Amino acid sequence: MNKINILAVMFSMLAVAGCAGCNDKDENESVSENGPSGVSFNITISPENPTAKFEGDTISITVDSDSDWSVSSKSDFCTLSKKGGIKGTSDFKATLTKNTSAEKRTAVLNFVSGGSLKEYFITQDYDQKSFESDDITAPEGYKLVWHDEFDEESLSSDWTYEVQNSGWVNNELQNYRKGEIDGKKTVETQNGILNINCFKGSDGKVYSGRIKAKESTGWQYGYIEARIKLPKGKGTWPAFWMMPCNVDWVNEGWPKCGEIDIMEEVGANPNYVSSSLHAEGHVHTLGNQVTHEMLCNGAEDDFHVYTIEWTKEKIVTYVDGKLQLSYSSDGTVKNYPYDKPFYIILNLAWGGDWGGYRGIDEKALPTTMQVDYVRVFQKK
């Protein structure tokens, strides 16, 4: 036989041996939902397939198991009162935050014992009436998928706070904080309005707020708008803008990752609002930033609507329905990295490279950026 035939026979013998081995089964081996575990894991979880209320709910869960077990939540909107239990019957609670999205969502719990895994699901309703409100009219071809009218006493769990010291970016002077300083809140809701407050503390430092909506998931494309009253004072730098979710800062970084500024204004140039886009191919540090500024009479005296219509092909921004900026994709990531989920940011900076380019006037403090609502629509 030549070498090729000898090898063929050897591989054939090995294949037969392997198949024979496949038929040998340990009578004591148990199989979990995810395959062999070597450990028996019989568990009963009740209630089966529970449904939670949209406004936030706590579900009482009973576990009956023949082994010690642990449980974890795979959903950041669901927290658990305990991390596991011992053999027998025990109880714990799963608490879900308010669902502010336009669809039901599912919390996934993982039960583990001896290498076996069992998944458990809690379905949470959404506020259907809120998304069918006659007061909110969707643009043609779009539907409302998320919004915050700031009618609650505090921000929902969809928002997270930035906490950073002065000088963190752009040589800005404010310290971003969550909560109270000297009895004053950096961010608060009152009478259906979100207030982002900028003020000087008793320690001489300036404090303000910066909050982010749906930071981990964001939205990819949509018609997004906010109704805002801008603060007064030389040194203020309010903004309504977006950044991409889950940026790889080491390999991607800024401005390669992209940045969308729907609305910015500096108090040194009152009532002139701008929209800007930042990318590897166009950024202010290269002198080729995509930007446009326009006068919005009374921007610091009353509320105005700032909007972006963002698609795979184009970004267009508006002020009270009037065209501000229009930019079309050329199909390259270098010039259009705006093809992935971005999250919303609202903040009020003080001073810095742009906010303080004509100096600051500390007599303007305290001052406040007010937001009536933020709404996200996506195509039907």
Protein backbone atom coordinates (compact mmCIF):
# COMPACT_ATOMS: atom_id res chain seq x y z
CA MET A 1 0.00 0.00 0.00
CA ASN A 2 1.22 3.50 -0.66
CA LYS A 3 1.40 6.15 2.08
CA ILE A 4 -1.93 7.71 1.10
CA ASN A 5 -3.82 4.39 1.44
CA ILE A 6 -2.17 3.61 4.79
CA LEU A 7 -3.27 6.98 6.18
CA ALA A 8 -6.80 6.43 4.88
CA VAL A 9 -7.09 3.11 6.73
CA MET A 10 -5.75 4.63 9.95
CA PHE A 11 -8.26 7.52 9.84
CA SER A 12 -11.08 5.06 9.13
CA MET A 13 -10.16 2.97 12.20
CA LEU A 14 -10.02 6.06 14.38
CA ALA A 15 -13.43 7.20 13.16
CA VAL A 16 -14.98 3.81 14.01
CA ALA A 17 -13.43 3.88 17.47
CA GLY A 18 -14.70 7.39 17.99
CA CYS A 19 -18.26 6.47 17.02
CA ALA A 20 -18.18 3.47 19.36
CA GLY A 21 -17.14 5.82 22.14
CA CYS A 22 -20.12 8.03 21.38
CA ASN A 23 -22.47 5.19 22.29
CA ASP A 24 -20.94 4.72 25.75
CA LYS A 25 -23.02 6.74 28.23
CA ASP A 26 -22.59 7.09 31.95
CA GLU A 27 -25.93 6.07 33.46
CA ASN A 28 -25.41 8.56 36.31
CA GLU A 29 -24.72 11.58 34.07
CA SER A 30 -27.44 14.24 34.22
CA VAL A 31 -28.26 16.67 31.43
CA SER A 32 -29.28 20.27 32.16
CA GLU A 33 -31.02 22.65 29.79
CA ASN A 34 -27.58 23.53 28.41
CA GLY A 35 -26.06 20.02 28.25
CA PRO A 36 -24.25 17.57 30.56
CA SER A 37 -23.37 18.97 33.97
CA GLY A 38 -22.41 15.95 36.03
CA VAL A 39 -24.64 17.26 38.84
CA SER A 40 -28.38 16.80 39.16
CA PHE A 41 -30.22 20.14 39.36
CA ASN A 42 -33.95 19.91 39.78
CA ILE A 43 -35.44 23.35 40.38
CA THR A 44 -38.93 24.82 40.33
CA ILE A 45 -39.36 28.59 40.04
CA SER A 46 -42.68 30.31 40.52
CA PRO A 47 -44.58 32.17 39.32
CA GLU A 48 -43.95 31.02 35.78
CA ASN A 49 -43.48 33.75 33.16
CA PRO A 50 -44.56 36.70 35.36
CA THR A 51 -45.44 40.13 33.95
CA ALA A 52 -44.28 43.32 35.68
CA LYS A 53 -46.01 46.71 35.60
CA PHE A 54 -44.48 49.36 33.34
CA GLU A 55 -44.20 51.97 36.13
CA GLY A 56 -41.79 49.76 38.05
CA ASP A 57 -42.59 46.62 39.96
CA THR A 58 -41.30 44.05 42.44
CA ILE A 59 -41.90 40.37 41.73
CA SER A 60 -41.79 37.85 44.60
CA ILE A 61 -40.17 34.63 43.43
CA THR A 62 -40.19 31.22 45.14
CA VAL A 63 -37.45 28.69 44.41
CA ASP A 64 -37.65 24.98 45.23
CA SER A 65 -34.38 23.19 44.51
CA ASP A 66 -32.63 19.95 45.40
CA SER A 67 -29.25 21.72 45.42
CA ASP A 68 -27.70 24.99 46.54
CA TRP A 69 -28.12 27.61 43.83
CA SER A 70 -27.14 31.11 42.78
CA VAL A 71 -29.00 33.66 40.69
CA SER A 72 -27.91 36.73 38.72
CA SER A 73 -29.69 39.31 36.60
CA LYS A 74 -28.57 39.78 33.00
CA SER A 75 -30.66 42.98 32.73
CA ASP A 76 -29.45 46.26 34.21
CA PHE A 77 -33.03 47.40 34.89
CA CYS A 78 -33.68 44.44 37.20
CA THR A 79 -32.07 44.08 40.64
CA LEU A 80 -32.34 41.13 43.02
CA SER A 81 -32.76 41.02 46.79
CA LYS A 82 -30.46 38.01 47.14
CA LYS A 83 -27.83 36.21 45.09
CA GLY A 84 -28.78 32.62 45.82
CA GLY A 85 -30.10 30.06 48.27
CA ILE A 86 -29.65 26.63 49.78
CA LYS A 87 -31.28 23.30 49.05
CA GLY A 88 -35.01 23.40 49.70
CA THR A 89 -37.54 26.21 49.38
CA SER A 90 -36.66 29.90 49.63
CA ASP A 91 -37.91 33.27 48.43
CA PHE A 92 -36.41 36.44 47.01
CA LYS A 93 -37.56 39.54 45.10
CA ALA A 94 -36.76 40.96 41.68
CA THR A 95 -37.29 44.72 41.30
CA LEU A 96 -37.67 46.30 37.87
CA THR A 97 -37.34 50.03 37.19
CA LYS A 98 -39.88 51.99 35.14
CA ASN A 99 -40.03 51.02 31.47
CA THR A 100 -39.99 54.25 29.49
CA SER A 101 -39.55 52.65 26.07
CA ALA A 102 -42.29 52.11 23.48
CA GLU A 103 -42.30 48.32 23.75
CA LYS A 104 -42.31 45.49 26.23
CA ARG A 105 -38.96 44.33 27.56
CA THR A 106 -37.76 41.13 29.20
CA ALA A 107 -35.57 40.73 32.25
CA VAL A 108 -33.46 37.55 32.15
CA LEU A 109 -32.36 35.80 35.36
CA ASN A 110 -29.75 33.03 35.36
CA PHE A 111 -30.05 30.26 37.96
CA VAL A 112 -26.91 28.14 38.36
CA SER A 113 -26.10 25.05 40.42
CA GLY A 114 -23.30 22.56 39.92
CA GLY A 115 -22.60 23.80 36.43
CA SER A 116 -26.22 23.59 35.29
CA LEU A 117 -27.97 26.71 34.05
CA LYS A 118 -31.65 27.60 33.95
CA GLU A 119 -32.93 30.87 32.52
CA TYR A 120 -36.00 32.63 33.93
CA PHE A 121 -37.85 35.48 32.23
CA ILE A 122 -39.88 38.42 33.54
CA THR A 123 -41.81 40.40 30.92
CA GLN A 124 -42.44 44.09 31.65
CA ASP A 125 -45.23 46.08 30.04
CA TYR A 126 -44.82 49.59 28.60
CA ASP A 127 -47.01 52.66 28.98
CA GLN A 128 -49.05 52.32 25.82
CA LYS A 129 -51.15 55.42 26.52
CA SER A 130 -48.02 57.55 26.87
CA PHE A 131 -46.94 56.61 23.36
CA GLU A 132 -50.38 57.21 21.88
CA SER A 133 -50.77 60.66 23.42
CA ASP A 134 -52.66 63.20 21.33
CA ASP A 135 -50.23 65.82 22.68
CA ILE A 136 -47.28 64.24 20.88
CA THR A 137 -47.43 64.26 17.10
CA ALA A 138 -44.91 62.09 15.29
CA PRO A 139 -43.35 63.38 12.06
CA GLU A 140 -44.74 61.71 8.96
CA GLY A 141 -43.34 58.22 8.56
CA TYR A 142 -42.07 58.06 12.14
CA LYS A 143 -43.31 56.66 15.45
CA LEU A 144 -42.48 57.67 19.00
CA VAL A 145 -40.08 55.16 20.59
CA TRP A 146 -38.82 57.00 23.69
CA HIS A 147 -39.47 60.27 25.46
CA ASP A 148 -39.15 62.07 28.76
CA GLU A 149 -41.55 64.88 29.63
CA PHE A 150 -39.89 65.27 33.07
CA ASP A 151 -43.21 64.94 34.89
CA GLU A 152 -41.76 62.72 37.62
CA GLU A 153 -40.18 64.01 40.83
CA SER A 154 -36.81 62.63 39.78
CA LEU A 155 -35.07 61.38 36.66
CA SER A 156 -35.83 57.88 35.44
CA SER A 157 -33.23 55.12 35.39
CA ASP A 158 -32.72 55.79 31.68
CA TRP A 159 -30.52 58.72 32.68
CA THR A 160 -27.02 58.50 34.14
CA TYR A 161 -24.92 61.30 35.61
CA GLU A 162 -21.44 62.36 34.61
CA VAL A 163 -19.22 63.02 37.64
CA GLN A 164 -15.99 64.82 36.73
CA ASN A 165 -13.77 67.56 38.09
CA SER A 166 -12.99 70.89 36.44
CA GLY A 167 -10.45 70.71 33.62
CA TRP A 168 -11.68 67.28 32.57
CA VAL A 169 -12.34 68.40 28.96
CA ASN A 170 -11.94 71.64 26.98
CA ASN A 171 -10.39 73.39 30.03
CA GLU A 172 -13.92 73.83 31.41
CA LEU A 173 -14.25 75.26 34.91
CA GLN A 174 -17.31 73.44 36.23
CA ASN A 175 -17.31 70.32 38.39
CA TYR A 176 -19.98 67.87 37.24
CA ARG A 177 -21.78 66.33 40.18
CA LYS A 178 -24.88 64.31 41.03
CA GLY A 179 -27.03 65.44 43.95
CA GLU A 180 -26.72 68.46 46.23
CA ILE A 181 -23.94 70.84 47.07
CA ASP A 182 -24.70 73.31 49.86
CA GLY A 183 -28.37 72.36 49.57
CA LYS A 184 -28.52 73.10 45.83
CA LYS A 185 -29.09 70.40 43.21
CA THR A 186 -27.11 70.28 39.99
CA VAL A 187 -30.02 68.52 38.25
CA GLU A 188 -33.67 68.55 39.29
CA THR A 189 -37.20 68.26 37.87
CA GLN A 190 -39.86 70.78 38.85
CA ASN A 191 -43.34 71.26 37.38
CA GLY A 192 -42.59 69.19 34.30
CA ILE A 193 -39.27 70.92 33.57
CA LEU A 194 -35.74 69.57 33.83
CA ASN A 195 -33.39 72.12 35.38
CA ILE A 196 -29.63 71.83 34.95
CA ASN A 197 -28.20 74.31 37.42
CA CYS A 198 -24.77 75.93 37.37
CA PHE A 199 -23.69 77.68 40.58
CA LYS A 200 -20.76 78.46 42.84
CA GLY A 201 -20.43 76.46 46.04
CA SER A 202 -19.28 77.69 49.43
CA ASP A 203 -15.85 76.26 48.61
CA GLY A 204 -15.52 78.66 45.68
CA LYS A 205 -15.85 75.92 43.07
CA VAL A 206 -18.44 75.98 40.28
CA TYR A 207 -20.82 73.02 40.03
CA SER A 208 -23.15 71.91 37.25
CA GLY A 209 -24.84 68.88 35.71
CA ARG A 210 -24.30 66.60 32.74
CA ILE A 211 -26.70 63.71 32.10
CA LYS A 212 -26.87 60.93 29.50
CA ALA A 213 -29.94 59.05 28.20
CA LYS A 214 -29.70 55.34 27.35
CA GLU A 215 -25.91 55.46 27.51
CA SER A 216 -25.36 51.75 26.86
CA THR A 217 -27.92 51.22 24.07
CA GLY A 218 -28.80 54.59 22.57
CA TRP A 219 -30.53 54.77 19.19
CA GLN A 220 -29.37 54.25 15.64
CA TYR A 221 -30.97 56.87 13.39
CA GLY A 222 -34.15 58.77 14.13
CA TYR A 223 -35.89 62.10 14.46
CA ILE A 224 -34.83 63.49 17.84
CA GLU A 225 -35.89 66.76 19.40
CA ALA A 226 -35.74 68.71 22.66
CA ARG A 227 -37.51 71.88 23.76
CA ILE A 228 -34.99 74.01 25.65
CA LYS A 229 -34.64 77.43 27.27
CA LEU A 230 -30.99 78.44 27.34
CA PRO A 231 -29.19 80.02 30.32
CA LYS A 232 -27.91 83.59 30.40
CA GLY A 233 -24.43 84.82 31.22
CA LYS A 234 -20.96 85.15 29.72
CA GLY A 235 -19.24 81.87 30.46
CA THR A 236 -22.22 79.55 29.93
CA TRP A 237 -21.95 76.75 27.38
CA PRO A 238 -25.17 74.67 27.20
CA ALA A 239 -25.44 71.72 24.83
CA PHE A 240 -27.83 69.08 23.49
CA TRP A 241 -25.72 66.48 21.72
CA MET A 242 -24.90 62.80 21.09
CA MET A 243 -21.98 60.41 21.43
CA PRO A 244 -21.62 56.77 20.25
CA CYS A 245 -22.29 53.94 22.68
CA ASN A 246 -19.51 51.65 23.88
CA VAL A 247 -16.58 53.41 22.26
CA ASP A 248 -13.25 51.59 22.07
CA TRP A 249 -11.24 54.61 23.20
CA VAL A 250 -7.90 52.86 22.67
CA ASN A 251 -8.39 51.82 19.03
CA GLU A 252 -11.08 54.25 17.94
CA GLY A 253 -11.05 57.34 20.12
CA TRP A 254 -12.19 60.87 19.36
CA PRO A 255 -12.90 62.27 16.82
CA LYS A 256 -12.70 59.02 14.85
CA CYS A 257 -15.68 57.64 16.81
CA GLY A 258 -17.88 60.58 15.78
CA GLU A 259 -19.78 63.26 17.68
CA ILE A 260 -23.11 64.92 16.85
CA ASP A 261 -23.81 68.36 18.34
CA ILE A 262 -27.50 69.10 17.77
CA MET A 263 -27.43 72.43 19.62
CA GLU A 264 -24.74 74.46 21.36
CA GLU A 265 -24.59 78.08 22.46
CA VAL A 266 -22.12 80.19 24.41
CA GLY A 267 -23.31 83.03 26.61
CA ALA A 268 -20.63 85.34 25.23
CA ASN A 269 -22.57 85.23 21.95
CA PRO A 270 -26.17 85.11 23.23
CA ASN A 271 -28.98 83.61 21.15
CA TYR A 272 -26.68 82.34 18.42
CA VAL A 273 -27.09 78.56 18.34
CA SER A 274 -25.06 76.11 16.30
CA SER A 275 -24.96 72.49 15.10
CA SER A 276 -21.68 70.68 14.46
CA LEU A 277 -20.37 67.27 13.43
CA HIS A 278 -16.99 65.82 14.42
CA ALA A 279 -15.24 62.92 12.69
CA GLU A 280 -11.76 61.87 11.62
CA GLY A 281 -12.28 63.59 8.29
CA HIS A 282 -13.75 66.83 9.64
CA VAL A 283 -12.94 68.36 13.01
CA HIS A 284 -12.28 71.85 14.34
CA THR A 285 -8.65 71.03 15.18
CA LEU A 286 -8.04 70.55 11.43
CA GLY A 287 -9.98 73.67 10.53
CA ASN A 288 -12.54 71.75 8.46
CA GLN A 289 -15.31 71.17 11.01
CA VAL A 290 -18.84 70.69 9.67
CA THR A 291 -20.80 73.39 11.49
CA HIS A 292 -23.44 76.07 11.09
CA GLU A 293 -24.57 78.88 13.38
CA MET A 294 -27.80 80.90 13.26
CA LEU A 295 -29.58 83.53 15.32
CA CYS A 296 -32.49 82.25 17.38
CA ASN A 297 -34.17 85.34 18.78
CA GLY A 298 -35.14 84.86 22.41
CA ALA A 299 -33.27 81.57 22.86
CA GLU A 300 -32.34 82.66 26.40
CA ASP A 301 -35.80 84.07 27.21
CA ASP A 302 -38.12 81.30 26.08
CA PHE A 303 -38.27 77.66 24.98
CA HIS A 304 -37.31 76.66 21.44
CA VAL A 305 -37.27 73.29 19.69
CA TYR A 306 -33.95 71.86 18.51
CA THR A 307 -34.15 68.86 16.18
CA ILE A 308 -32.05 66.36 14.27
CA GLU A 309 -33.25 64.05 11.50
CA TRP A 310 -30.59 61.38 11.23
CA THR A 311 -30.53 58.60 8.65
CA LYS A 312 -27.96 56.30 7.08
CA GLU A 313 -27.55 58.79 4.24
CA LYS A 314 -27.85 62.20 5.87
CA ILE A 315 -27.94 64.39 9.00
CA VAL A 316 -30.14 67.49 9.06
CA THR A 317 -30.71 69.78 12.07
CA TYR A 318 -33.41 72.38 12.65
CA VAL A 319 -34.25 75.24 15.02
CA ASP A 320 -38.00 75.68 15.44
CA GLY A 321 -38.44 73.86 12.13
CA LYS A 322 -35.97 76.08 10.27
CA LEU A 323 -33.02 74.41 8.56
CA GLN A 324 -29.76 74.75 10.48
CA LEU A 325 -27.26 72.20 9.08
CA SER A 326 -27.39 69.56 6.36
CA TYR A 327 -24.67 66.97 5.74
CA SER A 328 -24.73 63.91 3.48
CA SER A 329 -22.73 60.71 3.81
CA ASP A 330 -20.00 59.99 1.27
CA GLY A 331 -20.04 56.32 2.27
CA THR A 332 -16.77 56.42 4.22
CA VAL A 333 -16.30 55.83 7.93
CA LYS A 334 -13.76 58.65 7.98
CA ASN A 335 -16.43 61.20 7.11
CA TYR A 336 -19.60 59.46 8.28
CA PRO A 337 -19.05 57.44 11.47
CA TYR A 338 -22.70 58.16 12.28
CA ASP A 339 -23.96 54.69 11.36
CA LYS A 340 -24.18 53.13 14.83
CA PRO A 341 -26.10 53.74 18.09
CA PHE A 342 -25.54 57.11 19.77
CA TYR A 343 -26.88 58.29 23.14
CA ILE A 344 -28.23 61.72 24.13
CA ILE A 345 -26.39 64.18 26.37
CA LEU A 346 -27.66 67.35 28.06
CA ASN A 347 -25.20 69.53 29.95
CA LEU A 348 -24.35 73.04 31.04
CA ALA A 349 -20.62 73.82 31.01
CA TRP A 350 -18.94 76.91 32.45
CA GLY A 351 -15.96 78.56 30.79
CA GLY A 352 -13.54 76.48 28.80
CA ASP A 353 -12.04 76.81 25.35
CA TRP A 354 -15.26 78.03 23.77
CA GLY A 355 -17.52 78.91 26.69
CA GLY A 356 -14.86 81.22 28.08
CA TYR A 357 -13.30 82.49 24.86
CA ARG A 358 -14.35 86.05 25.79
CA GLY A 359 -13.89 85.52 29.51
CA ILE A 360 -16.50 84.72 32.14
CA ASP A 361 -18.80 86.80 34.30
CA GLU A 362 -19.25 85.16 37.69
CA LYS A 363 -22.05 87.62 38.49
CA ALA A 364 -24.14 85.53 36.06
CA LEU A 365 -24.14 82.65 38.54
CA PRO A 366 -26.34 80.90 39.44
CA THR A 367 -27.88 80.19 36.06
CA THR A 368 -30.03 77.37 34.67
CA MET A 369 -30.61 75.46 31.45
CA GLN A 370 -34.25 74.30 31.27
CA VAL A 371 -35.59 71.39 29.22
CA ASP A 372 -39.30 70.83 28.65
CA TYR A 373 -38.97 67.46 26.95
CA VAL A 374 -36.74 65.12 24.93
CA ARG A 375 -38.37 62.86 22.30
CA VAL A 376 -37.04 60.15 20.01
CA PHE A 377 -38.94 59.02 16.93
CA GLN A 378 -37.86 56.30 14.53
CA LYS A 379 -39.16 55.21 11.15
CA LYS A 380 -42.18 52.92 11.15
